[in-house]
């Protein structure tokens, strides 16, 4: 869900990480994995 918000809504990782209560570096790592795996 967070990756979709980043790619579709053009929000920053900082904003999304705050919404999901996770660290920004974890969000970046997970988003990159999803992009590589799905694309």
PDB file of N, CA and C in Angstrom:
ATOM      1  N   UNK A   1       0.822  -1.188   0.000  1.00  0.00           N
ATOM      2  CA  UNK A   1       0.000   0.000   0.000  1.00  0.00           C
ATOM      3  C   UNK A   1       0.868   1.255   0.000  1.00  0.00           C
ATOM      4  N   UNK A   2       1.911   1.220   0.805  1.00  0.00           N
ATOM      5  CA  UNK A   2       2.789   2.382   0.893  1.00  0.00           C
ATOM      6  C   UNK A   2       3.481   2.654  -0.433  1.00  0.00           C
ATOM      7  N   UNK A   3       3.890   1.610  -1.128  1.00  0.00           N
ATOM      8  CA  UNK A   3       4.551   1.788  -2.421  1.00  0.00           C
ATOM      9  C   UNK A   3       3.598   2.402  -3.436  1.00  0.00           C
ATOM     10  N   UNK A   4       2.351   1.999  -3.399  1.00  0.00           N
ATOM     11  CA  UNK A   4       1.368   2.591  -4.306  1.00  0.00           C
ATOM     12  C   UNK A   4       1.176   4.073  -4.025  1.00  0.00           C
ATOM     13  N   UNK A   5       1.169   4.439  -2.759  1.00  0.00           N
ATOM     14  CA  UNK A   5       1.042   5.853  -2.419  1.00  0.00           C
ATOM     15  C   UNK A   5       2.229   6.639  -2.948  1.00  0.00           C
ATOM     16  N   UNK A   6       3.408   6.050  -2.870  1.00  0.00           N
ATOM     17  CA  UNK A   6       4.604   6.741  -3.355  1.00  0.00           C
ATOM     18  C   UNK A   6       4.554   6.928  -4.867  1.00  0.00           C
ATOM     19  N   UNK A   7       4.188   5.884  -5.587  1.00  0.00           N
ATOM     20  CA  UNK A   7       4.220   5.961  -7.050  1.00  0.00           C
ATOM     21  C   UNK A   7       3.015   6.691  -7.638  1.00  0.00           C
ATOM     22  N   UNK A   8       1.876   6.608  -6.997  1.00  0.00           N
ATOM     23  CA  UNK A   8       0.661   7.205  -7.566  1.00  0.00           C
ATOM     24  C   UNK A   8       0.386   8.617  -7.061  1.00  0.00           C
ATOM     25  N   UNK A   9       0.663   8.875  -5.800  1.00  0.00           N
ATOM     26  CA  UNK A   9       0.309  10.163  -5.212  1.00  0.00           C
ATOM     27  C   UNK A   9       1.490  11.119  -5.117  1.00  0.00           C
ATOM     28  N   UNK A  10       2.687  10.657  -5.487  1.00  0.00           N
ATOM     29  CA  UNK A  10       3.901  11.472  -5.456  1.00  0.00           C
ATOM     30  C   UNK A  10       4.171  12.069  -4.068  1.00  0.00           C
ATOM     31  N   UNK A  11       3.892  11.278  -3.043  1.00  0.00           N
ATOM     32  CA  UNK A  11       4.194  11.696  -1.675  1.00  0.00           C
ATOM     33  C   UNK A  11       5.617  11.289  -1.347  1.00  0.00           C
ATOM     34  N   UNK A  12       6.210  11.942  -0.363  1.00  0.00           N
ATOM     35  CA  UNK A  12       7.576  11.600   0.022  1.00  0.00           C
ATOM     36  C   UNK A  12       7.570  10.361   0.905  1.00  0.00           C
ATOM     37  N   UNK A  13       8.726   9.688   0.931  1.00  0.00           N
ATOM     38  CA  UNK A  13       8.855   8.527   1.817  1.00  0.00           C
ATOM     39  C   UNK A  13       8.646   8.944   3.268  1.00  0.00           C
ATOM     40  N   UNK A  14       9.084  10.131   3.614  1.00  0.00           N
ATOM     41  CA  UNK A  14       8.943  10.619   4.989  1.00  0.00           C
ATOM     42  C   UNK A  14       7.469  10.716   5.389  1.00  0.00           C
ATOM     43  N   UNK A  15       6.634  11.248   4.522  1.00  0.00           N
ATOM     44  CA  UNK A  15       5.208  11.376   4.810  1.00  0.00           C
ATOM     45  C   UNK A  15       4.538  10.008   4.942  1.00  0.00           C
ATOM     46  N   UNK A  16       4.855   9.113   4.027  1.00  0.00           N
ATOM     47  CA  UNK A  16       4.240   7.785   4.036  1.00  0.00           C
ATOM     48  C   UNK A  16       4.694   6.985   5.253  1.00  0.00           C
ATOM     49  N   UNK A  17       5.981   7.062   5.582  1.00  0.00           N
ATOM     50  CA  UNK A  17       6.499   6.349   6.752  1.00  0.00           C
ATOM     51  C   UNK A  17       5.802   6.825   8.017  1.00  0.00           C
ATOM     52  N   UNK A  18       5.546   8.108   8.119  1.00  0.00           N
ATOM     53  CA  UNK A  18       4.844   8.642   9.291  1.00  0.00           C
ATOM     54  C   UNK A  18       3.417   8.108   9.357  1.00  0.00           C
ATOM     55  N   UNK A  19       2.742   8.012   8.219  1.00  0.00           N
ATOM     56  CA  UNK A  19       1.372   7.489   8.186  1.00  0.00           C
ATOM     57  C   UNK A  19       1.302   6.035   8.634  1.00  0.00           C
ATOM     58  N   UNK A  20       2.301   5.227   8.246  1.00  0.00           N
ATOM     59  CA  UNK A  20       2.296   3.804   8.554  1.00  0.00           C
ATOM     60  C   UNK A  20       3.088   3.466   9.820  1.00  0.00           C
ATOM     61  N   UNK A  21       3.651   4.491  10.470  1.00  0.00           N
ATOM     62  CA  UNK A  21       4.424   4.321  11.715  1.00  0.00           C
ATOM     63  C   UNK A  21       5.580   3.334  11.539  1.00  0.00           C
ATOM     64  N   UNK A  22       6.328   3.483  10.440  1.00  0.00           N
ATOM     65  CA  UNK A  22       7.518   2.673  10.219  1.00  0.00           C
ATOM     66  C   UNK A  22       8.680   3.600   9.894  1.00  0.00           C
ATOM     67  N   UNK A  23       9.888   3.088  10.003  1.00  0.00           N
ATOM     68  CA  UNK A  23      11.067   3.899   9.720  1.00  0.00           C
ATOM     69  C   UNK A  23      11.204   4.095   8.215  1.00  0.00           C
ATOM     70  N   UNK A  24      11.651   5.263   7.837  1.00  0.00           N
ATOM     71  CA  UNK A  24      11.760   5.607   6.419  1.00  0.00           C
ATOM     72  C   UNK A  24      12.667   4.647   5.650  1.00  0.00           C
ATOM     73  N   UNK A  25      13.769   4.205   6.267  1.00  0.00           N
ATOM     74  CA  UNK A  25      14.686   3.293   5.569  1.00  0.00           C
ATOM     75  C   UNK A  25      14.029   1.943   5.291  1.00  0.00           C
ATOM     76  N   UNK A  26      13.181   1.463   6.201  1.00  0.00           N
ATOM     77  CA  UNK A  26      12.453   0.210   5.958  1.00  0.00           C
ATOM     78  C   UNK A  26      11.486   0.367   4.789  1.00  0.00           C
ATOM     79  N   UNK A  27      10.841   1.505   4.724  1.00  0.00           N
ATOM     80  CA  UNK A  27       9.909   1.770   3.630  1.00  0.00           C
ATOM     81  C   UNK A  27      10.632   1.805   2.289  1.00  0.00           C
ATOM     82  N   UNK A  28      11.777   2.452   2.242  1.00  0.00           N
ATOM     83  CA  UNK A  28      12.552   2.533   1.002  1.00  0.00           C
ATOM     84  C   UNK A  28      12.994   1.146   0.560  1.00  0.00           C
ATOM     85  N   UNK A  29      13.500   0.355   1.500  1.00  0.00           N
ATOM     86  CA  UNK A  29      13.963  -0.999   1.185  1.00  0.00           C
ATOM     87  C   UNK A  29      12.819  -1.854   0.644  1.00  0.00           C
ATOM     88  N   UNK A  30      11.684  -1.808   1.302  1.00  0.00           N
ATOM     89  CA  UNK A  30      10.529  -2.596   0.861  1.00  0.00           C
ATOM     90  C   UNK A  30      10.006  -2.118  -0.482  1.00  0.00           C
ATOM     91  N   UNK A  31       9.974  -0.817  -0.683  1.00  0.00           N
ATOM     92  CA  UNK A  31       9.492  -0.269  -1.952  1.00  0.00           C
ATOM     93  C   UNK A  31      10.393  -0.680  -3.104  1.00  0.00           C
ATOM     94  N   UNK A  32      11.694  -0.641  -2.887  1.00  0.00           N
ATOM     95  CA  UNK A  32      12.633  -1.049  -3.934  1.00  0.00           C
ATOM     96  C   UNK A  32      12.475  -2.525  -4.253  1.00  0.00           C
ATOM     97  N   UNK A  33      12.283  -3.361  -3.235  1.00  0.00           N
ATOM     98  CA  UNK A  33      12.088  -4.797  -3.461  1.00  0.00           C
ATOM     99  C   UNK A  33      10.825  -5.033  -4.284  1.00  0.00           C
ATOM    100  N   UNK A  34       9.754  -4.337  -3.952  1.00  0.00           N
ATOM    101  CA  UNK A  34       8.495  -4.498  -4.681  1.00  0.00           C
ATOM    102  C   UNK A  34       8.657  -4.067  -6.132  1.00  0.00           C
ATOM    103  N   UNK A  35       9.326  -2.940  -6.357  1.00  0.00           N
ATOM    104  CA  UNK A  35       9.527  -2.462  -7.721  1.00  0.00           C
ATOM    105  C   UNK A  35      10.340  -3.457  -8.548  1.00  0.00           C
ATOM    106  N   UNK A  36      11.386  -4.020  -7.976  1.00  0.00           N
ATOM    107  CA  UNK A  36      12.225  -4.985  -8.690  1.00  0.00           C
ATOM    108  C   UNK A  36      11.451  -6.275  -8.953  1.00  0.00           C
ATOM    109  N   UNK A  37      10.713  -6.735  -7.972  1.00  0.00           N
ATOM    110  CA  UNK A  37       9.993  -7.997  -8.087  1.00  0.00           C
ATOM    111  C   UNK A  37       8.831  -7.906  -9.071  1.00  0.00           C
ATOM    112  N   UNK A  38       8.076  -6.845  -9.005  1.00  0.00           N
ATOM    113  CA  UNK A  38       6.885  -6.728  -9.841  1.00  0.00           C
ATOM    114  C   UNK A  38       7.154  -6.130 -11.213  1.00  0.00           C
ATOM    115  N   UNK A  39       8.179  -5.331 -11.307  1.00  0.00           N
ATOM    116  CA  UNK A  39       8.456  -4.689 -12.596  1.00  0.00           C
ATOM    117  C   UNK A  39       9.655  -5.334 -13.198  1.00  0.00           C
TER     118      UNK A  39
END
